[in-house]
Amino acid sequence: MSDLADRLTELEIKLGFAEDLIDSLNKTVFRQQEQIDLLQRQLTELHRRMREAEPDEARDPGEEVPPHY
């Protein structure tokens, strides 16, 4: 009977560690998702700003003066 109790105790200890690990991983995934959401919002904002900054007329790159002139 002692062997069975030892095995049960060992399983309970392993379960406790597994629960702690799962909790830690869940927190990590949550933080990463928050970062992804923030980066997506920033990328959307940058894309919007770029579209607003683009001129409406098409330019010919051959007509532009190079920066060293």
C-alpha atoms as a PDB file:
ATOM      1  CA  MET A   1       0.000   0.000   0.000  1.00  0.00           C
ATOM      2  CA  SER A   2       2.913   2.343   0.677  1.00  0.00           C
ATOM      3  CA  ASP A   3       4.082   1.927  -2.910  1.00  0.00           C
ATOM      4  CA  LEU A   4       0.671   3.047  -4.168  1.00  0.00           C
ATOM      5  CA  ALA A   5       0.706   6.080  -1.851  1.00  0.00           C
ATOM      6  CA  ASP A   6       4.206   7.010  -3.028  1.00  0.00           C
ATOM      7  CA  ARG A   7       3.125   6.788  -6.658  1.00  0.00           C
ATOM      8  CA  LEU A   8       0.062   8.906  -5.937  1.00  0.00           C
ATOM      9  CA  THR A   9       2.180  11.524  -4.167  1.00  0.00           C
ATOM     10  CA  GLU A  10       4.631  11.584  -7.080  1.00  0.00           C
ATOM     11  CA  LEU A  11       1.768  12.058  -9.547  1.00  0.00           C
ATOM     12  CA  GLU A  12       0.324  14.892  -7.464  1.00  0.00           C
ATOM     13  CA  ILE A  13       3.715  16.621  -7.411  1.00  0.00           C
ATOM     14  CA  LYS A  14       4.082  16.229 -11.174  1.00  0.00           C
ATOM     15  CA  LEU A  15       0.548  17.553 -11.670  1.00  0.00           C
ATOM     16  CA  GLY A  16       1.367  20.619  -9.574  1.00  0.00           C
ATOM     17  CA  PHE A  17       4.457  21.350 -11.664  1.00  0.00           C
ATOM     18  CA  ALA A  18       2.482  20.808 -14.878  1.00  0.00           C
ATOM     19  CA  GLU A  19      -0.202  23.250 -13.719  1.00  0.00           C
ATOM     20  CA  ASP A  20       2.438  25.872 -12.892  1.00  0.00           C
ATOM     21  CA  LEU A  21       4.048  25.392 -16.296  1.00  0.00           C
ATOM     22  CA  ILE A  22       0.713  25.690 -18.104  1.00  0.00           C
ATOM     23  CA  ASP A  23      -0.088  28.876 -16.182  1.00  0.00           C
ATOM     24  CA  SER A  24       3.304  30.339 -17.057  1.00  0.00           C
ATOM     25  CA  LEU A  25       2.889  29.432 -20.736  1.00  0.00           C
ATOM     26  CA  ASN A  26      -0.601  30.949 -20.813  1.00  0.00           C
ATOM     27  CA  LYS A  27       0.760  34.221 -19.431  1.00  0.00           C
ATOM     28  CA  THR A  28       3.535  34.208 -22.038  1.00  0.00           C
ATOM     29  CA  VAL A  29       1.091  33.591 -24.882  1.00  0.00           C
ATOM     30  CA  PHE A  30      -1.168  36.363 -23.562  1.00  0.00           C
ATOM     31  CA  ARG A  31       1.722  38.865 -23.465  1.00  0.00           C
ATOM     32  CA  GLN A  32       2.837  37.866 -26.951  1.00  0.00           C
ATOM     33  CA  GLN A  33      -0.691  38.326 -28.301  1.00  0.00           C
ATOM     34  CA  GLU A  34      -0.823  41.797 -26.755  1.00  0.00           C
ATOM     35  CA  GLN A  35       2.466  42.641 -28.497  1.00  0.00           C
ATOM     36  CA  ILE A  36       1.172  41.274 -31.812  1.00  0.00           C
ATOM     37  CA  ASP A  37      -1.998  43.338 -31.487  1.00  0.00           C
ATOM     38  CA  LEU A  38       0.035  46.478 -30.771  1.00  0.00           C
ATOM     39  CA  LEU A  39       2.344  45.847 -33.730  1.00  0.00           C
ATOM     40  CA  GLN A  40      -0.643  45.299 -36.027  1.00  0.00           C
ATOM     41  CA  ARG A  41      -2.184  48.590 -34.925  1.00  0.00           C
ATOM     42  CA  GLN A  42       1.129  50.381 -35.476  1.00  0.00           C
ATOM     43  CA  LEU A  43       1.551  48.814 -38.908  1.00  0.00           C
ATOM     44  CA  THR A  44      -1.980  49.835 -39.887  1.00  0.00           C
ATOM     45  CA  GLU A  45      -1.280  53.395 -38.742  1.00  0.00           C
ATOM     46  CA  LEU A  46       1.995  53.538 -40.683  1.00  0.00           C
ATOM     47  CA  HIS A  47       0.262  52.201 -43.777  1.00  0.00           C
ATOM     48  CA  ARG A  48      -2.442  54.867 -43.435  1.00  0.00           C
ATOM     49  CA  ARG A  49       0.185  57.613 -43.048  1.00  0.00           C
ATOM     50  CA  MET A  50       2.113  56.391 -46.074  1.00  0.00           C
ATOM     51  CA  ARG A  51      -1.026  56.461 -48.216  1.00  0.00           C
ATOM     52  CA  GLU A  52      -1.789  59.995 -47.061  1.00  0.00           C
ATOM     53  CA  ALA A  53       1.769  61.132 -47.817  1.00  0.00           C
ATOM     54  CA  GLU A  54       1.830  59.721 -51.347  1.00  0.00           C
ATOM     55  CA  PRO A  55       1.219  62.282 -54.072  1.00  0.00           C
ATOM     56  CA  ASP A  56      -1.824  61.710 -56.257  1.00  0.00           C
ATOM     57  CA  GLU A  57       0.078  62.159 -59.501  1.00  0.00           C
ATOM     58  CA  ALA A  58       2.443  59.556 -60.868  1.00  0.00           C
ATOM     59  CA  ARG A  59       6.037  60.762 -61.188  1.00  0.00           C
ATOM     60  CA  ASP A  60       8.652  59.657 -63.648  1.00  0.00           C
ATOM     61  CA  PRO A  61      11.825  58.662 -61.750  1.00  0.00           C
ATOM     62  CA  GLY A  62      13.887  59.648 -64.817  1.00  0.00           C
ATOM     63  CA  GLU A  63      12.826  63.278 -64.428  1.00  0.00           C
ATOM     64  CA  GLU A  64      13.856  63.539 -60.782  1.00  0.00           C
ATOM     65  CA  VAL A  65      17.197  65.091 -59.867  1.00  0.00           C
ATOM     66  CA  PRO A  66      19.476  62.672 -58.009  1.00  0.00           C
ATOM     67  CA  PRO A  67      20.248  63.676 -54.407  1.00  0.00           C
ATOM     68  CA  HIS A  68      23.914  64.421 -55.131  1.00  0.00           C
ATOM     69  CA  TYR A  69      23.060  67.353 -57.464  1.00  0.00           C
END
